[in-house]
Amino acid sequence: MPDQALPPRAETLALMHEYTASDSLRKHMLSVEAAMRAYAAKFGGDADRWGTTGLIHDFDYERYPNAEHSPTEGHPAEGVRILRGRGYPEDILQAILGHATYSGTPRETPMARTLFAVDELTGLITATALVRPSRSVHEVEARSVRKKMKDKAFARGVSREDVITGAEELGVDLEEHIAFVIRAMQSVADDIGLGSVQAPAVS
């Protein structure tokens, strides 16, 4: 229920770190958290609730991989079982299940649709930033991300179809959606390792 108590962010962050050793996966979840918080403000949602959903959505990905895309075993089903046991609100759990299309869980809330819409896109934006000389998200523009989307050899693991479908489900223009998520990631650039790289001092 939406009125279930929300664990403190510090508790969610600690749980994410406990289950996730990969620095890149941790930064992915921080990126998704930032995008979720930004969209909560835009859509009139609860920023802490939406942010928590983004921060924890992939915490079980490393420990319970699901190459078979089982709807009931592995990620995200196993993670949802763990979170339910810890008292996480059911609407958050349903959103987490819904971000994996193979779970068969419909995305019925704005929060669930937003998680799906920003998940793959943050990965594409990160990859675009990392091929820039500065490795900074501050130098990424929506049009460059759109260009990279067309290059099938670039960031092969990112589902272009999910990015496009996600924007459609949200009812937002794809280019505006990309630009919005870029700005959200820029707000946490240092935390996600994509901050400005200082130019070397001139002697």
C-alpha atoms as a PDB file:
ATOM      1  CA  MET A   1       0.000   0.000   0.000  1.00  0.00           C
ATOM      2  CA  PRO A   2       1.235   3.538  -0.707  1.00  0.00           C
ATOM      3  CA  ASP A   3       1.082   4.443   2.991  1.00  0.00           C
ATOM      4  CA  GLN A   4       3.574   1.757   4.057  1.00  0.00           C
ATOM      5  CA  ALA A   5       6.534   3.227   5.888  1.00  0.00           C
ATOM      6  CA  LEU A   6       9.619   3.891   3.829  1.00  0.00           C
ATOM      7  CA  PRO A   7      13.010   2.759   5.161  1.00  0.00           C
ATOM      8  CA  PRO A   8      15.561   5.588   5.544  1.00  0.00           C
ATOM      9  CA  ARG A   9      17.732   6.194   2.490  1.00  0.00           C
ATOM     10  CA  ALA A  10      20.860   5.284   4.478  1.00  0.00           C
ATOM     11  CA  GLU A  11      19.382   1.848   5.191  1.00  0.00           C
ATOM     12  CA  THR A  12      18.527   1.277   1.530  1.00  0.00           C
ATOM     13  CA  LEU A  13      21.968   2.448   0.427  1.00  0.00           C
ATOM     14  CA  ALA A  14      23.651   0.115   2.929  1.00  0.00           C
ATOM     15  CA  LEU A  15      21.557  -2.812   1.656  1.00  0.00           C
ATOM     16  CA  MET A  16      22.464  -1.987  -1.936  1.00  0.00           C
ATOM     17  CA  HIS A  17      26.168  -1.898  -1.025  1.00  0.00           C
ATOM     18  CA  GLU A  18      25.892  -5.146   0.943  1.00  0.00           C
ATOM     19  CA  TYR A  19      24.600  -7.047  -2.089  1.00  0.00           C
ATOM     20  CA  THR A  20      26.475  -5.196  -4.857  1.00  0.00           C
ATOM     21  CA  ALA A  21      30.273  -5.227  -5.124  1.00  0.00           C
ATOM     22  CA  SER A  22      30.441  -3.800  -8.646  1.00  0.00           C
ATOM     23  CA  ASP A  23      31.236  -0.085  -8.644  1.00  0.00           C
ATOM     24  CA  SER A  24      29.609   0.399 -12.043  1.00  0.00           C
ATOM     25  CA  LEU A  25      26.389  -1.284 -10.923  1.00  0.00           C
ATOM     26  CA  ARG A  26      26.292   0.825  -7.760  1.00  0.00           C
ATOM     27  CA  LYS A  27      26.691   3.954  -9.873  1.00  0.00           C
ATOM     28  CA  HIS A  28      23.951   2.752 -12.202  1.00  0.00           C
ATOM     29  CA  MET A  29      21.524   2.548  -9.282  1.00  0.00           C
ATOM     30  CA  LEU A  30      22.563   6.020  -8.095  1.00  0.00           C
ATOM     31  CA  SER A  31      21.935   7.304 -11.625  1.00  0.00           C
ATOM     32  CA  VAL A  32      18.490   5.733 -11.715  1.00  0.00           C
ATOM     33  CA  GLU A  33      17.742   7.147  -8.263  1.00  0.00           C
ATOM     34  CA  ALA A  34      18.567  10.651  -9.492  1.00  0.00           C
ATOM     35  CA  ALA A  35      16.366  10.255 -12.567  1.00  0.00           C
ATOM     36  CA  MET A  36      13.518   8.901 -10.452  1.00  0.00           C
ATOM     37  CA  ARG A  37      13.732  11.800  -8.007  1.00  0.00           C
ATOM     38  CA  ALA A  38      13.712  14.296 -10.867  1.00  0.00           C
ATOM     39  CA  TYR A  39      10.670  12.716 -12.479  1.00  0.00           C
ATOM     40  CA  ALA A  40       8.878  12.531  -9.116  1.00  0.00           C
ATOM     41  CA  ALA A  41       9.216  16.306  -8.888  1.00  0.00           C
ATOM     42  CA  LYS A  42       7.940  16.675 -12.456  1.00  0.00           C
ATOM     43  CA  PHE A  43       4.968  14.331 -12.024  1.00  0.00           C
ATOM     44  CA  GLY A  44       4.037  15.264  -8.467  1.00  0.00           C
ATOM     45  CA  GLY A  45       5.258  12.009  -6.937  1.00  0.00           C
ATOM     46  CA  ASP A  46       6.990  11.319  -3.624  1.00  0.00           C
ATOM     47  CA  ALA A  47      10.684  11.946  -4.345  1.00  0.00           C
ATOM     48  CA  ASP A  48      11.912   9.745  -1.488  1.00  0.00           C
ATOM     49  CA  ARG A  49       9.657   6.873  -2.518  1.00  0.00           C
ATOM     50  CA  TRP A  50      10.556   7.112  -6.190  1.00  0.00           C
ATOM     51  CA  GLY A  51      14.226   7.565  -5.319  1.00  0.00           C
ATOM     52  CA  THR A  52      14.228   4.492  -3.097  1.00  0.00           C
ATOM     53  CA  THR A  53      12.777   2.463  -5.964  1.00  0.00           C
ATOM     54  CA  GLY A  54      15.604   3.546  -8.249  1.00  0.00           C
ATOM     55  CA  LEU A  55      18.304   3.102  -5.631  1.00  0.00           C
ATOM     56  CA  ILE A  56      17.425  -0.520  -4.849  1.00  0.00           C
ATOM     57  CA  HIS A  57      15.950  -1.841  -8.123  1.00  0.00           C
ATOM     58  CA  ASP A  58      19.033  -3.850  -9.192  1.00  0.00           C
ATOM     59  CA  PHE A  59      20.565  -4.639  -5.800  1.00  0.00           C
ATOM     60  CA  ASP A  60      20.136  -8.401  -6.337  1.00  0.00           C
ATOM     61  CA  TYR A  61      21.353  -8.393  -9.953  1.00  0.00           C
ATOM     62  CA  GLU A  62      24.910  -9.444  -9.128  1.00  0.00           C
ATOM     63  CA  ARG A  63      24.114 -12.087  -6.513  1.00  0.00           C
ATOM     64  CA  TYR A  64      21.106 -13.596  -8.287  1.00  0.00           C
ATOM     65  CA  PRO A  65      21.765 -13.310 -12.036  1.00  0.00           C
ATOM     66  CA  ASN A  66      18.936 -14.388 -14.275  1.00  0.00           C
ATOM     67  CA  ALA A  67      20.271 -15.197 -17.738  1.00  0.00           C
ATOM     68  CA  GLU A  68      17.263 -17.447 -18.292  1.00  0.00           C
ATOM     69  CA  HIS A  69      14.875 -14.524 -17.639  1.00  0.00           C
ATOM     70  CA  SER A  70      12.826 -16.593 -15.225  1.00  0.00           C
ATOM     71  CA  PRO A  71       9.840 -14.621 -13.923  1.00  0.00           C
ATOM     72  CA  THR A  72      10.013 -16.337 -10.518  1.00  0.00           C
ATOM     73  CA  GLU A  73      13.715 -17.070  -9.859  1.00  0.00           C
ATOM     74  CA  GLY A  74      16.746 -14.790  -9.759  1.00  0.00           C
ATOM     75  CA  HIS A  75      16.660 -11.039 -10.413  1.00  0.00           C
ATOM     76  CA  PRO A  76      14.347  -9.256  -9.744  1.00  0.00           C
ATOM     77  CA  ALA A  77      12.039 -11.854  -8.154  1.00  0.00           C
ATOM     78  CA  GLU A  78      14.594 -12.889  -5.538  1.00  0.00           C
ATOM     79  CA  GLY A  79      15.381  -9.291  -4.649  1.00  0.00           C
ATOM     80  CA  VAL A  80      11.697  -8.510  -4.244  1.00  0.00           C
ATOM     81  CA  ARG A  81      11.343 -11.444  -1.841  1.00  0.00           C
ATOM     82  CA  ILE A  82      14.219 -10.063   0.226  1.00  0.00           C
ATOM     83  CA  LEU A  83      12.798  -6.536   0.212  1.00  0.00           C
ATOM     84  CA  ARG A  84       9.308  -7.775   1.117  1.00  0.00           C
ATOM     85  CA  GLY A  85      10.810  -9.575   4.089  1.00  0.00           C
ATOM     86  CA  ARG A  86      12.373  -6.302   5.173  1.00  0.00           C
ATOM     87  CA  GLY A  87       9.082  -4.459   4.972  1.00  0.00           C
ATOM     88  CA  TYR A  88       9.568  -2.441   1.797  1.00  0.00           C
ATOM     89  CA  PRO A  89       6.291  -1.030   0.456  1.00  0.00           C
ATOM     90  CA  GLU A  90       4.403  -3.145  -2.048  1.00  0.00           C
ATOM     91  CA  ASP A  91       4.144  -0.397  -4.688  1.00  0.00           C
ATOM     92  CA  ILE A  92       7.952  -0.224  -4.780  1.00  0.00           C
ATOM     93  CA  LEU A  93       8.158  -4.007  -5.152  1.00  0.00           C
ATOM     94  CA  GLN A  94       5.662  -4.013  -8.012  1.00  0.00           C
ATOM     95  CA  ALA A  95       7.631  -1.279  -9.792  1.00  0.00           C
ATOM     96  CA  ILE A  96      10.848  -3.290  -9.415  1.00  0.00           C
ATOM     97  CA  LEU A  97       9.187  -6.400 -10.836  1.00  0.00           C
ATOM     98  CA  GLY A  98       7.742  -4.354 -13.680  1.00  0.00           C
ATOM     99  CA  HIS A  99      11.090  -2.990 -14.833  1.00  0.00           C
ATOM    100  CA  ALA A 100      11.943  -6.521 -16.018  1.00  0.00           C
ATOM    101  CA  THR A 101       9.607  -7.216 -18.924  1.00  0.00           C
ATOM    102  CA  TYR A 102      10.031 -10.979 -18.474  1.00  0.00           C
ATOM    103  CA  SER A 103       8.492 -10.810 -14.981  1.00  0.00           C
ATOM    104  CA  GLY A 104       5.062 -10.409 -16.555  1.00  0.00           C
ATOM    105  CA  THR A 105       4.210  -7.715 -14.001  1.00  0.00           C
ATOM    106  CA  PRO A 106       2.282  -4.824 -15.558  1.00  0.00           C
ATOM    107  CA  ARG A 107       3.555  -1.286 -15.003  1.00  0.00           C
ATOM    108  CA  GLU A 108       0.393   0.229 -13.562  1.00  0.00           C
ATOM    109  CA  THR A 109       1.701   3.310 -11.723  1.00  0.00           C
ATOM    110  CA  PRO A 110       3.603   6.393 -12.891  1.00  0.00           C
ATOM    111  CA  MET A 111       6.456   5.308 -10.608  1.00  0.00           C
ATOM    112  CA  ALA A 112       6.645   1.867 -12.252  1.00  0.00           C
ATOM    113  CA  ARG A 113       6.523   3.304 -15.751  1.00  0.00           C
ATOM    114  CA  THR A 114       9.215   5.823 -14.888  1.00  0.00           C
ATOM    115  CA  LEU A 115      11.583   3.190 -13.498  1.00  0.00           C
ATOM    116  CA  PHE A 116      11.302   1.232 -16.732  1.00  0.00           C
ATOM    117  CA  ALA A 117      11.749   4.390 -18.811  1.00  0.00           C
ATOM    118  CA  VAL A 118      14.949   5.570 -17.123  1.00  0.00           C
ATOM    119  CA  ASP A 119      16.669   2.246 -16.372  1.00  0.00           C
ATOM    120  CA  GLU A 120      18.204   1.405 -19.748  1.00  0.00           C
ATOM    121  CA  LEU A 121      18.513   5.068 -20.709  1.00  0.00           C
ATOM    122  CA  THR A 122      20.858   5.877 -17.814  1.00  0.00           C
ATOM    123  CA  GLY A 123      23.137   3.102 -19.075  1.00  0.00           C
ATOM    124  CA  LEU A 124      23.172   4.583 -22.555  1.00  0.00           C
ATOM    125  CA  ILE A 125      23.919   8.065 -21.213  1.00  0.00           C
ATOM    126  CA  THR A 126      26.730   6.681 -19.031  1.00  0.00           C
ATOM    127  CA  ALA A 127      28.269   4.875 -22.002  1.00  0.00           C
ATOM    128  CA  THR A 128      28.032   8.038 -24.104  1.00  0.00           C
ATOM    129  CA  ALA A 129      29.770  10.054 -21.377  1.00  0.00           C
ATOM    130  CA  LEU A 130      32.566   7.494 -20.986  1.00  0.00           C
ATOM    131  CA  VAL A 131      33.626   7.732 -24.632  1.00  0.00           C
ATOM    132  CA  ARG A 132      34.072  11.510 -24.359  1.00  0.00           C
ATOM    133  CA  PRO A 133      37.631  12.680 -23.678  1.00  0.00           C
ATOM    134  CA  SER A 134      36.464  14.278 -20.429  1.00  0.00           C
ATOM    135  CA  ARG A 135      34.378  11.229 -19.396  1.00  0.00           C
ATOM    136  CA  SER A 136      31.899  13.796 -18.083  1.00  0.00           C
ATOM    137  CA  VAL A 137      28.107  13.697 -18.253  1.00  0.00           C
ATOM    138  CA  HIS A 138      28.220  17.498 -18.324  1.00  0.00           C
ATOM    139  CA  GLU A 139      29.360  17.253 -21.932  1.00  0.00           C
ATOM    140  CA  VAL A 140      26.638  14.840 -23.060  1.00  0.00           C
ATOM    141  CA  GLU A 141      23.750  16.161 -25.145  1.00  0.00           C
ATOM    142  CA  ALA A 142      20.520  14.442 -26.123  1.00  0.00           C
ATOM    143  CA  ARG A 143      21.358  14.485 -29.809  1.00  0.00           C
ATOM    144  CA  SER A 144      24.640  12.645 -29.220  1.00  0.00           C
ATOM    145  CA  VAL A 145      22.784   9.967 -27.234  1.00  0.00           C
ATOM    146  CA  ARG A 146      20.250   9.628 -30.070  1.00  0.00           C
ATOM    147  CA  LYS A 147      23.132   9.205 -32.508  1.00  0.00           C
ATOM    148  CA  LYS A 148      24.696   6.509 -30.326  1.00  0.00           C
ATOM    149  CA  MET A 149      21.339   4.715 -30.125  1.00  0.00           C
ATOM    150  CA  LYS A 150      21.488   4.148 -33.880  1.00  0.00           C
ATOM    151  CA  ASP A 151      24.927   2.527 -33.619  1.00  0.00           C
ATOM    152  CA  LYS A 152      24.087  -1.094 -32.821  1.00  0.00           C
ATOM    153  CA  ALA A 153      27.705  -1.868 -31.946  1.00  0.00           C
ATOM    154  CA  PHE A 154      27.723   0.791 -29.202  1.00  0.00           C
ATOM    155  CA  ALA A 155      26.702  -0.290 -25.674  1.00  0.00           C
ATOM    156  CA  ARG A 156      25.261  -3.547 -27.007  1.00  0.00           C
ATOM    157  CA  GLY A 157      23.785  -4.461 -23.637  1.00  0.00           C
ATOM    158  CA  VAL A 158      21.405  -1.506 -23.665  1.00  0.00           C
ATOM    159  CA  SER A 159      17.964  -2.263 -25.076  1.00  0.00           C
ATOM    160  CA  ARG A 160      17.039   0.499 -27.507  1.00  0.00           C
ATOM    161  CA  GLU A 161      13.542  -0.952 -27.665  1.00  0.00           C
ATOM    162  CA  ASP A 162      13.103  -0.505 -23.908  1.00  0.00           C
ATOM    163  CA  VAL A 163      14.304   3.109 -24.108  1.00  0.00           C
ATOM    164  CA  ILE A 164      11.810   3.900 -26.863  1.00  0.00           C
ATOM    165  CA  THR A 165       8.956   1.971 -25.253  1.00  0.00           C
ATOM    166  CA  GLY A 166       9.672   3.589 -21.898  1.00  0.00           C
ATOM    167  CA  ALA A 167       9.307   7.094 -23.294  1.00  0.00           C
ATOM    168  CA  GLU A 168       6.089   6.074 -25.053  1.00  0.00           C
ATOM    169  CA  GLU A 169       4.642   4.636 -21.836  1.00  0.00           C
ATOM    170  CA  LEU A 170       5.478   7.860 -20.018  1.00  0.00           C
ATOM    171  CA  GLY A 171       3.901   9.900 -22.777  1.00  0.00           C
ATOM    172  CA  VAL A 172       6.998  12.051 -23.251  1.00  0.00           C
ATOM    173  CA  ASP A 173       8.982  12.975 -26.349  1.00  0.00           C
ATOM    174  CA  LEU A 174      12.068  10.768 -26.616  1.00  0.00           C
ATOM    175  CA  GLU A 175      14.529  13.621 -27.121  1.00  0.00           C
ATOM    176  CA  GLU A 176      13.054  15.573 -24.202  1.00  0.00           C
ATOM    177  CA  HIS A 177      13.145  12.408 -22.083  1.00  0.00           C
ATOM    178  CA  ILE A 178      16.836  11.896 -22.849  1.00  0.00           C
ATOM    179  CA  ALA A 179      17.642  15.530 -22.073  1.00  0.00           C
ATOM    180  CA  PHE A 180      15.685  15.344 -18.800  1.00  0.00           C
ATOM    181  CA  VAL A 181      17.545  12.243 -17.619  1.00  0.00           C
ATOM    182  CA  ILE A 182      20.899  13.769 -18.630  1.00  0.00           C
ATOM    183  CA  ARG A 183      20.140  16.783 -16.420  1.00  0.00           C
ATOM    184  CA  ALA A 184      19.179  14.502 -13.541  1.00  0.00           C
ATOM    185  CA  MET A 185      22.450  12.610 -13.872  1.00  0.00           C
ATOM    186  CA  GLN A 186      24.397  15.862 -14.095  1.00  0.00           C
ATOM    187  CA  SER A 187      23.023  16.749 -10.647  1.00  0.00           C
ATOM    188  CA  VAL A 188      24.854  13.734  -9.163  1.00  0.00           C
ATOM    189  CA  ALA A 189      27.753  13.648 -11.621  1.00  0.00           C
ATOM    190  CA  ASP A 190      30.493  13.309  -8.998  1.00  0.00           C
ATOM    191  CA  ASP A 191      28.642  10.526  -7.156  1.00  0.00           C
ATOM    192  CA  ILE A 192      28.303   8.484 -10.355  1.00  0.00           C
ATOM    193  CA  GLY A 193      31.912   9.084 -11.464  1.00  0.00           C
ATOM    194  CA  LEU A 194      30.971  11.298 -14.412  1.00  0.00           C
ATOM    195  CA  GLY A 195      31.871  14.713 -13.024  1.00  0.00           C
ATOM    196  CA  SER A 196      33.922  17.333 -14.771  1.00  0.00           C
ATOM    197  CA  VAL A 197      37.507  16.364 -15.381  1.00  0.00           C
ATOM    198  CA  GLN A 198      39.787  19.243 -14.479  1.00  0.00           C
ATOM    199  CA  ALA A 199      42.064  20.416 -17.226  1.00  0.00           C
ATOM    200  CA  PRO A 200      45.755  20.075 -16.334  1.00  0.00           C
ATOM    201  CA  ALA A 201      47.310  23.243 -15.004  1.00  0.00           C
ATOM    202  CA  VAL A 202      49.323  25.250 -17.479  1.00  0.00           C
ATOM    203  CA  SER A 203      52.854  25.775 -16.243  1.00  0.00           C
END
